[in-house]
Amino acid sequence: MTAPFSARFLAAIKTATKTAVQAVGDFRSAAGFTRVQETQLHAYTSRNQPSVVPLDVAIDLDHCAEKPIHLMEMAHALGFVVIPLHVGPGDFGQDMSEFARTSGDVLGTAVRILEDGRIDPHEAREIAPKLMQGKHILERALARVHRVQKDNQPYIVSDREAAHG
């Protein structure tokens, strides 16, 4: 019997679990945010234990860590990347969030188009507007960044940022 595809990623998932626990604080704190006990979390991080973090526990840990640690590792295992829906405040943050969504759409379309190893005319018509939208968003964001460089002044994107600046 051959090993399942996921077997080669178990160590990385265990490391992701440990990283998420550390981001939350410690095993006791992390257990308080999940349905499992501290000892079970230890087992999920141990390379000497066969158990692996269940999906619901991974989601809870990532949520408490405030970053998609497990999700990014799983996406990487499957050849994908995680793109945030919201990057930050202000129009620059909005542009970056919109670019993230547009990029995901472009990449999904590109992967599908390239399955047969060529770009057909109807596929080019499908992806061209998506690429143009991404280019437009980047040009808008780049104009903002160039303005900051030219003026040699920070661009305040939110009151919170201004209070700490």
C-alpha atoms as a PDB file:
ATOM      1  CA  MET A   1       0.000   0.000   0.000  1.00  0.00           C
ATOM      2  CA  THR A   2       1.345   3.422  -0.915  1.00  0.00           C
ATOM      3  CA  ALA A   3       1.408   6.284   1.550  1.00  0.00           C
ATOM      4  CA  PRO A   4      -1.293   8.914   1.112  1.00  0.00           C
ATOM      5  CA  PHE A   5      -0.368  12.180  -0.602  1.00  0.00           C
ATOM      6  CA  SER A   6      -0.672  14.044   2.702  1.00  0.00           C
ATOM      7  CA  ALA A   7       1.986  11.908   4.429  1.00  0.00           C
ATOM      8  CA  ARG A   8       4.826  14.024   3.052  1.00  0.00           C
ATOM      9  CA  PHE A   9       3.332  17.158   4.661  1.00  0.00           C
ATOM     10  CA  LEU A  10       2.673  15.843   8.171  1.00  0.00           C
ATOM     11  CA  ALA A  11       5.860  17.324   9.641  1.00  0.00           C
ATOM     12  CA  ALA A  12       5.008  20.734   8.179  1.00  0.00           C
ATOM     13  CA  ILE A  13       1.462  20.562   9.587  1.00  0.00           C
ATOM     14  CA  LYS A  14       2.857  19.629  13.004  1.00  0.00           C
ATOM     15  CA  THR A  15       5.234  22.594  12.796  1.00  0.00           C
ATOM     16  CA  ALA A  16       2.322  24.842  11.795  1.00  0.00           C
ATOM     17  CA  THR A  17       0.410  23.630  14.841  1.00  0.00           C
ATOM     18  CA  LYS A  18       3.350  24.406  17.105  1.00  0.00           C
ATOM     19  CA  THR A  19       3.728  27.848  15.514  1.00  0.00           C
ATOM     20  CA  ALA A  20       0.021  28.579  16.023  1.00  0.00           C
ATOM     21  CA  VAL A  21       0.172  27.462  19.665  1.00  0.00           C
ATOM     22  CA  GLN A  22       3.180  29.732  20.244  1.00  0.00           C
ATOM     23  CA  ALA A  23       1.368  32.643  18.575  1.00  0.00           C
ATOM     24  CA  VAL A  24      -1.547  32.138  20.975  1.00  0.00           C
ATOM     25  CA  GLY A  25       0.828  31.928  23.945  1.00  0.00           C
ATOM     26  CA  ASP A  26       1.293  28.388  25.184  1.00  0.00           C
ATOM     27  CA  PHE A  27      -0.395  24.983  25.103  1.00  0.00           C
ATOM     28  CA  ARG A  28      -2.674  25.744  28.049  1.00  0.00           C
ATOM     29  CA  SER A  29      -3.873  29.013  26.523  1.00  0.00           C
ATOM     30  CA  ALA A  30      -4.352  27.434  23.115  1.00  0.00           C
ATOM     31  CA  ALA A  31      -6.360  24.551  24.586  1.00  0.00           C
ATOM     32  CA  GLY A  32      -8.764  27.103  26.043  1.00  0.00           C
ATOM     33  CA  PHE A  33      -9.722  28.181  22.528  1.00  0.00           C
ATOM     34  CA  THR A  34     -10.237  24.680  21.120  1.00  0.00           C
ATOM     35  CA  ARG A  35     -12.244  21.551  21.878  1.00  0.00           C
ATOM     36  CA  VAL A  36      -9.116  19.570  22.811  1.00  0.00           C
ATOM     37  CA  GLN A  37      -7.006  19.387  25.943  1.00  0.00           C
ATOM     38  CA  GLU A  38      -3.437  20.597  26.378  1.00  0.00           C
ATOM     39  CA  THR A  39      -2.007  17.048  26.169  1.00  0.00           C
ATOM     40  CA  GLN A  40      -3.743  16.473  22.840  1.00  0.00           C
ATOM     41  CA  LEU A  41      -2.262  19.697  21.441  1.00  0.00           C
ATOM     42  CA  HIS A  42       1.176  18.474  22.501  1.00  0.00           C
ATOM     43  CA  ALA A  43       0.532  15.251  20.575  1.00  0.00           C
ATOM     44  CA  TYR A  44      -0.446  17.227  17.466  1.00  0.00           C
ATOM     45  CA  THR A  45       2.968  18.938  17.511  1.00  0.00           C
ATOM     46  CA  SER A  46       5.055  15.858  18.313  1.00  0.00           C
ATOM     47  CA  ARG A  47       6.813  14.122  15.433  1.00  0.00           C
ATOM     48  CA  ASN A  48       6.773  10.966  17.562  1.00  0.00           C
ATOM     49  CA  GLN A  49       2.969  10.859  17.704  1.00  0.00           C
ATOM     50  CA  PRO A  50       0.824   9.792  14.740  1.00  0.00           C
ATOM     51  CA  SER A  51      -2.034  12.208  15.501  1.00  0.00           C
ATOM     52  CA  VAL A  52      -2.451  15.360  13.420  1.00  0.00           C
ATOM     53  CA  VAL A  53      -4.481  18.444  14.252  1.00  0.00           C
ATOM     54  CA  PRO A  54      -8.113  18.137  13.077  1.00  0.00           C
ATOM     55  CA  LEU A  55      -9.393  20.816  10.731  1.00  0.00           C
ATOM     56  CA  ASP A  56     -11.736  22.455  13.261  1.00  0.00           C
ATOM     57  CA  VAL A  57      -8.940  22.734  15.838  1.00  0.00           C
ATOM     58  CA  ALA A  58      -6.575  24.142  13.187  1.00  0.00           C
ATOM     59  CA  ILE A  59      -9.188  26.768  12.290  1.00  0.00           C
ATOM     60  CA  ASP A  60      -9.618  27.702  15.959  1.00  0.00           C
ATOM     61  CA  LEU A  61      -5.852  27.981  16.454  1.00  0.00           C
ATOM     62  CA  ASP A  62      -5.398  30.081  13.313  1.00  0.00           C
ATOM     63  CA  HIS A  63      -8.264  32.335  14.379  1.00  0.00           C
ATOM     64  CA  CYS A  64      -6.749  32.885  17.826  1.00  0.00           C
ATOM     65  CA  ALA A  65      -3.274  33.401  16.350  1.00  0.00           C
ATOM     66  CA  GLU A  66      -4.835  35.993  14.026  1.00  0.00           C
ATOM     67  CA  LYS A  67      -3.071  34.522  11.013  1.00  0.00           C
ATOM     68  CA  PRO A  68      -3.810  31.572   8.698  1.00  0.00           C
ATOM     69  CA  ILE A  69      -0.839  29.433   9.764  1.00  0.00           C
ATOM     70  CA  HIS A  70      -2.393  26.031   9.014  1.00  0.00           C
ATOM     71  CA  LEU A  71      -4.285  27.307   5.995  1.00  0.00           C
ATOM     72  CA  MET A  72      -1.079  28.641   4.430  1.00  0.00           C
ATOM     73  CA  GLU A  73       0.702  25.332   5.026  1.00  0.00           C
ATOM     74  CA  MET A  74      -2.168  23.327   3.532  1.00  0.00           C
ATOM     75  CA  ALA A  75      -2.380  25.673   0.543  1.00  0.00           C
ATOM     76  CA  HIS A  76       1.381  25.344   0.009  1.00  0.00           C
ATOM     77  CA  ALA A  77       1.090  21.545   0.083  1.00  0.00           C
ATOM     78  CA  LEU A  78      -1.436  21.737  -2.743  1.00  0.00           C
ATOM     79  CA  GLY A  79       0.493  24.326  -4.746  1.00  0.00           C
ATOM     80  CA  PHE A  80      -1.594  27.357  -3.809  1.00  0.00           C
ATOM     81  CA  VAL A  81      -1.116  30.553  -1.840  1.00  0.00           C
ATOM     82  CA  VAL A  82      -3.451  32.261   0.604  1.00  0.00           C
ATOM     83  CA  ILE A  83      -4.521  35.759  -0.360  1.00  0.00           C
ATOM     84  CA  PRO A  84      -6.180  38.014   2.234  1.00  0.00           C
ATOM     85  CA  LEU A  85      -9.530  39.595   1.443  1.00  0.00           C
ATOM     86  CA  HIS A  86      -8.645  42.715   3.424  1.00  0.00           C
ATOM     87  CA  VAL A  87      -5.115  44.079   3.639  1.00  0.00           C
ATOM     88  CA  GLY A  88      -5.421  47.336   5.535  1.00  0.00           C
ATOM     89  CA  PRO A  89      -7.204  50.629   6.067  1.00  0.00           C
ATOM     90  CA  GLY A  90      -7.681  53.483   3.619  1.00  0.00           C
ATOM     91  CA  ASP A  91      -7.779  53.525  -0.151  1.00  0.00           C
ATOM     92  CA  PHE A  92      -4.307  51.955  -0.417  1.00  0.00           C
ATOM     93  CA  GLY A  93      -5.441  49.097   1.830  1.00  0.00           C
ATOM     94  CA  GLN A  94      -8.622  48.801  -0.203  1.00  0.00           C
ATOM     95  CA  ASP A  95      -6.584  48.667  -3.400  1.00  0.00           C
ATOM     96  CA  MET A  96      -4.386  45.919  -1.977  1.00  0.00           C
ATOM     97  CA  SER A  97      -7.445  43.951  -0.832  1.00  0.00           C
ATOM     98  CA  GLU A  98      -9.048  44.333  -4.243  1.00  0.00           C
ATOM     99  CA  PHE A  99      -5.788  43.313  -5.924  1.00  0.00           C
ATOM    100  CA  ALA A 100      -5.613  40.201  -3.740  1.00  0.00           C
ATOM    101  CA  ARG A 101      -9.104  39.138  -4.845  1.00  0.00           C
ATOM    102  CA  THR A 102      -8.416  39.987  -8.487  1.00  0.00           C
ATOM    103  CA  SER A 103      -5.084  38.141  -8.404  1.00  0.00           C
ATOM    104  CA  GLY A 104      -6.799  35.036  -7.076  1.00  0.00           C
ATOM    105  CA  ASP A 105      -9.318  35.200  -9.902  1.00  0.00           C
ATOM    106  CA  VAL A 106      -6.560  35.721 -12.484  1.00  0.00           C
ATOM    107  CA  LEU A 107      -4.512  32.830 -11.108  1.00  0.00           C
ATOM    108  CA  GLY A 108      -7.506  30.501 -11.019  1.00  0.00           C
ATOM    109  CA  THR A 109      -8.364  31.361 -14.604  1.00  0.00           C
ATOM    110  CA  ALA A 110      -4.724  30.997 -15.708  1.00  0.00           C
ATOM    111  CA  VAL A 111      -4.387  27.564 -14.115  1.00  0.00           C
ATOM    112  CA  ARG A 112      -7.531  26.377 -15.879  1.00  0.00           C
ATOM    113  CA  ILE A 113      -6.494  27.913 -19.217  1.00  0.00           C
ATOM    114  CA  LEU A 114      -3.019  26.378 -19.091  1.00  0.00           C
ATOM    115  CA  GLU A 115      -4.261  22.843 -18.391  1.00  0.00           C
ATOM    116  CA  ASP A 116      -4.049  21.988 -22.086  1.00  0.00           C
ATOM    117  CA  GLY A 117      -0.727  23.781 -22.555  1.00  0.00           C
ATOM    118  CA  ARG A 118      -1.991  26.621 -24.729  1.00  0.00           C
ATOM    119  CA  ILE A 119      -4.035  29.824 -24.671  1.00  0.00           C
ATOM    120  CA  ASP A 120      -6.892  29.706 -27.158  1.00  0.00           C
ATOM    121  CA  PRO A 121      -8.499  32.911 -28.505  1.00  0.00           C
ATOM    122  CA  HIS A 122     -11.635  32.510 -26.368  1.00  0.00           C
ATOM    123  CA  GLU A 123      -9.427  31.954 -23.304  1.00  0.00           C
ATOM    124  CA  ALA A 124      -7.441  35.096 -24.115  1.00  0.00           C
ATOM    125  CA  ARG A 125     -10.727  37.030 -24.325  1.00  0.00           C
ATOM    126  CA  GLU A 126     -11.689  35.622 -20.926  1.00  0.00           C
ATOM    127  CA  ILE A 127      -8.472  36.440 -19.068  1.00  0.00           C
ATOM    128  CA  ALA A 128      -7.571  39.773 -20.713  1.00  0.00           C
ATOM    129  CA  PRO A 129     -10.147  41.868 -18.801  1.00  0.00           C
ATOM    130  CA  LYS A 130      -9.130  40.218 -15.534  1.00  0.00           C
ATOM    131  CA  LEU A 131      -5.480  41.053 -16.186  1.00  0.00           C
ATOM    132  CA  MET A 132      -6.416  44.624 -17.100  1.00  0.00           C
ATOM    133  CA  GLN A 133      -8.389  44.993 -13.867  1.00  0.00           C
ATOM    134  CA  GLY A 134      -5.374  43.808 -11.855  1.00  0.00           C
ATOM    135  CA  LYS A 135      -3.094  46.162 -13.778  1.00  0.00           C
ATOM    136  CA  HIS A 136      -5.455  49.081 -13.157  1.00  0.00           C
ATOM    137  CA  ILE A 137      -5.547  48.400  -9.414  1.00  0.00           C
ATOM    138  CA  LEU A 138      -1.751  48.142  -9.239  1.00  0.00           C
ATOM    139  CA  GLU A 139      -1.317  51.358 -11.219  1.00  0.00           C
ATOM    140  CA  ARG A 140      -3.626  53.161  -8.779  1.00  0.00           C
ATOM    141  CA  ALA A 141      -1.709  51.797  -5.772  1.00  0.00           C
ATOM    142  CA  LEU A 142       1.641  52.532  -7.398  1.00  0.00           C
ATOM    143  CA  ALA A 143       0.557  56.122  -8.058  1.00  0.00           C
ATOM    144  CA  ARG A 144      -0.130  56.500  -4.329  1.00  0.00           C
ATOM    145  CA  VAL A 145       3.286  55.064  -3.425  1.00  0.00           C
ATOM    146  CA  HIS A 146       5.039  57.293  -5.981  1.00  0.00           C
ATOM    147  CA  ARG A 147       3.234  60.317  -4.522  1.00  0.00           C
ATOM    148  CA  VAL A 148       4.560  59.428  -1.041  1.00  0.00           C
ATOM    149  CA  GLN A 149       8.059  59.101  -2.497  1.00  0.00           C
ATOM    150  CA  LYS A 150       7.814  62.373  -4.434  1.00  0.00           C
ATOM    151  CA  ASP A 151       6.376  64.371  -1.514  1.00  0.00           C
ATOM    152  CA  ASN A 152       8.710  62.639   0.950  1.00  0.00           C
ATOM    153  CA  GLN A 153       5.776  62.653   3.364  1.00  0.00           C
ATOM    154  CA  PRO A 154       3.833  59.777   4.895  1.00  0.00           C
ATOM    155  CA  TYR A 155       0.345  59.075   3.627  1.00  0.00           C
ATOM    156  CA  ILE A 156      -2.070  58.638   6.533  1.00  0.00           C
ATOM    157  CA  VAL A 157      -4.506  55.812   5.848  1.00  0.00           C
ATOM    158  CA  SER A 158      -6.368  55.844   9.183  1.00  0.00           C
ATOM    159  CA  ASP A 159      -6.629  57.761  12.442  1.00  0.00           C
ATOM    160  CA  ARG A 160      -5.108  54.780  14.256  1.00  0.00           C
ATOM    161  CA  GLU A 161      -2.025  55.001  12.077  1.00  0.00           C
ATOM    162  CA  ALA A 162      -1.755  58.763  12.618  1.00  0.00           C
ATOM    163  CA  ALA A 163      -1.926  58.380  16.405  1.00  0.00           C
ATOM    164  CA  HIS A 164       1.073  56.021  16.382  1.00  0.00           C
ATOM    165  CA  GLY A 165       3.040  57.831  13.677  1.00  0.00           C
END
